[in-house]
Protein backbone atom coordinates (compact mmCIF):
# COMPACT_ATOMS: atom_id res chain seq x y z
CA MET A 1 -94.02 -119.05 171.21
CA SER A 2 -91.96 -118.90 168.03
CA SER A 3 -88.20 -118.87 168.02
CA GLU A 4 -88.42 -115.32 166.61
CA SER A 5 -90.72 -113.94 169.27
CA THR A 6 -89.64 -112.74 172.82
CA LEU A 7 -91.21 -113.46 176.15
CA TYR A 8 -92.29 -109.88 175.99
CA ASP A 9 -94.34 -110.57 172.92
CA ALA A 10 -95.60 -113.91 174.23
CA VAL A 11 -96.82 -112.44 177.54
CA GLY A 12 -98.70 -109.64 175.60
CA GLY A 13 -96.31 -106.68 175.49
CA ALA A 14 -96.64 -103.54 177.45
CA PRO A 15 -100.36 -103.80 178.33
CA ALA A 16 -99.70 -107.29 179.89
CA ILE A 17 -96.62 -105.95 181.78
CA SER A 18 -98.56 -103.19 183.18
CA ALA A 19 -101.40 -105.44 184.17
CA LEU A 20 -98.92 -107.99 185.68
CA VAL A 21 -97.23 -105.42 187.77
CA ASP A 22 -100.50 -103.78 188.96
CA ARG A 23 -101.89 -107.25 189.96
CA PHE A 24 -98.64 -108.24 191.63
CA TYR A 25 -98.71 -105.03 193.96
CA ALA A 26 -102.45 -105.44 194.46
CA ASN A 27 -101.68 -108.92 195.75
CA MET A 28 -98.75 -107.57 198.03
CA ASP A 29 -101.34 -105.00 199.48
CA LEU A 30 -103.99 -107.51 200.11
CA TRP A 31 -102.33 -110.70 201.19
CA PRO A 32 -101.47 -111.05 204.92
CA GLU A 33 -98.59 -113.35 203.99
CA ALA A 34 -97.08 -110.49 201.84
CA GLN A 35 -97.33 -107.93 204.57
CA ALA A 36 -93.56 -108.07 205.45
CA ILE A 37 -92.45 -107.54 201.87
CA ARG A 38 -95.10 -104.92 201.23
CA ALA A 39 -93.60 -103.01 204.28
CA MET A 40 -90.20 -102.96 202.53
CA HIS A 41 -91.84 -100.70 199.78
CA PRO A 42 -92.91 -97.01 199.89
CA ALA A 43 -96.53 -96.36 200.77
CA ASP A 44 -96.98 -94.92 197.33
CA LEU A 45 -96.01 -97.42 194.74
CA SER A 46 -96.39 -95.54 191.68
CA HIS A 47 -92.79 -94.88 191.03
CA THR A 48 -91.76 -98.38 192.09
CA ALA A 49 -94.31 -100.01 189.88
CA GLN A 50 -93.23 -97.93 186.97
CA VAL A 51 -89.46 -99.05 187.51
CA PHE A 52 -90.56 -102.64 187.75
CA LYS A 53 -92.52 -102.32 184.48
CA ASP A 54 -89.55 -100.64 182.80
CA TYR A 55 -87.40 -103.47 184.16
CA LEU A 56 -89.59 -106.26 183.16
CA SER A 57 -90.07 -104.77 179.65
CA GLU A 58 -86.32 -105.10 179.14
CA TRP A 59 -85.82 -108.35 180.95
CA LEU A 60 -88.51 -110.16 178.90
CA GLY A 61 -86.90 -108.86 175.67
CA GLY A 62 -89.01 -105.85 175.08
CA PRO A 63 -87.96 -102.23 174.66
CA ALA A 64 -85.09 -101.10 176.87
CA LEU A 65 -86.74 -98.79 179.19
CA TYR A 66 -84.86 -99.57 182.42
CA SER A 67 -81.11 -99.42 181.64
CA PRO A 68 -81.05 -96.10 179.73
CA VAL A 69 -82.54 -94.44 182.93
CA LYS A 70 -80.96 -96.65 185.75
CA GLY A 71 -78.01 -98.37 184.18
CA HIS A 72 -77.17 -102.00 184.97
CA PRO A 73 -79.97 -103.52 187.02
CA ARG A 74 -77.52 -104.66 189.78
CA LEU A 75 -80.65 -106.03 191.47
CA ARG A 76 -78.97 -107.70 194.40
CA MET A 77 -77.06 -104.58 195.33
CA ARG A 78 -80.19 -102.32 194.87
CA HIS A 79 -82.11 -104.66 197.27
CA MET A 80 -79.46 -105.09 199.96
CA GLN A 81 -81.25 -102.83 202.49
CA ALA A 82 -84.27 -105.11 202.28
CA PRO A 83 -83.58 -108.42 204.21
CA ILE A 84 -84.65 -111.25 201.88
CA ALA A 85 -84.75 -114.77 203.20
CA SER A 86 -86.81 -117.80 202.06
CA ALA A 87 -90.09 -116.42 203.50
CA GLU A 88 -89.72 -113.11 201.77
CA ARG A 89 -88.74 -114.88 198.53
CA ASP A 90 -91.73 -117.20 198.80
CA ALA A 91 -94.18 -114.27 199.52
CA TRP A 92 -92.86 -112.35 196.57
CA LEU A 93 -93.10 -115.33 194.24
CA ALA A 94 -96.62 -116.28 195.42
CA CYS A 95 -97.84 -112.64 194.58
CA MET A 96 -96.12 -112.92 191.17
CA LYS A 97 -97.33 -116.40 190.50
CA GLU A 98 -100.95 -115.39 190.95
CA ALA A 99 -100.41 -112.27 188.93
CA LEU A 100 -98.92 -114.22 186.01
CA ASP A 101 -101.78 -116.78 186.22
CA PHE A 102 -104.33 -113.90 186.05
CA VAL A 103 -102.52 -111.86 183.29
CA VAL A 104 -100.61 -114.15 181.05
CA THR A 105 -102.77 -116.53 178.81
CA ASP A 106 -99.95 -118.22 177.03
CA ARG A 107 -99.24 -121.06 179.37
CA ALA A 108 -95.64 -121.82 177.91
CA ALA A 109 -94.76 -118.20 178.45
CA ARG A 110 -96.21 -117.94 181.78
CA LEU A 111 -94.32 -121.01 182.95
CA GLN A 112 -91.02 -119.84 181.41
CA VAL A 113 -91.40 -116.44 182.95
CA TYR A 114 -92.23 -117.95 186.28
CA GLY A 115 -89.23 -120.44 186.11
CA ASN A 116 -86.87 -117.50 185.41
CA MET A 117 -88.45 -115.37 188.26
CA GLU A 118 -87.92 -118.33 190.68
CA LYS A 119 -84.31 -118.35 189.95
CA LEU A 120 -83.93 -114.60 190.19
CA ALA A 121 -85.82 -114.48 193.45
CA ASP A 122 -83.78 -117.25 194.97
CA TRP A 123 -80.54 -115.42 193.94
CA MET A 124 -81.88 -112.25 195.67
CA ARG A 125 -81.87 -113.69 199.06
CA ASN A 126 -79.41 -111.86 201.21
CA LYS A 127 -80.29 -113.22 204.61
CA GLU A 128 -80.05 -116.67 206.25
CA ASP A 129 -83.27 -118.44 207.25
């Protein structure tokens, strides 16, 4: 990844983000260990998936698709109704890691995105283990 490119570019832009989010939610639907976090989401994931795609676009340095519609992310506040302890964080990260491994071919970008997501997921915990 060059110093002028963004993670958005390095992961493959909008098509890769769309594939990443779709694979992430497919994992959540299929994996028994992810059923608790899947249950925190609506049955129809189409709106949720679009919001996540918009967020990732902006978070990775691409087009600002999230904040013009939703404002500041305030992720922790927006997720307070969902009890997130280490088990939920770990299930979320496992679904995301597999999706990143499947979609993102640039190893350095994949590792950087996952490292950033690990920090974010850990910060999102709002429940004691």
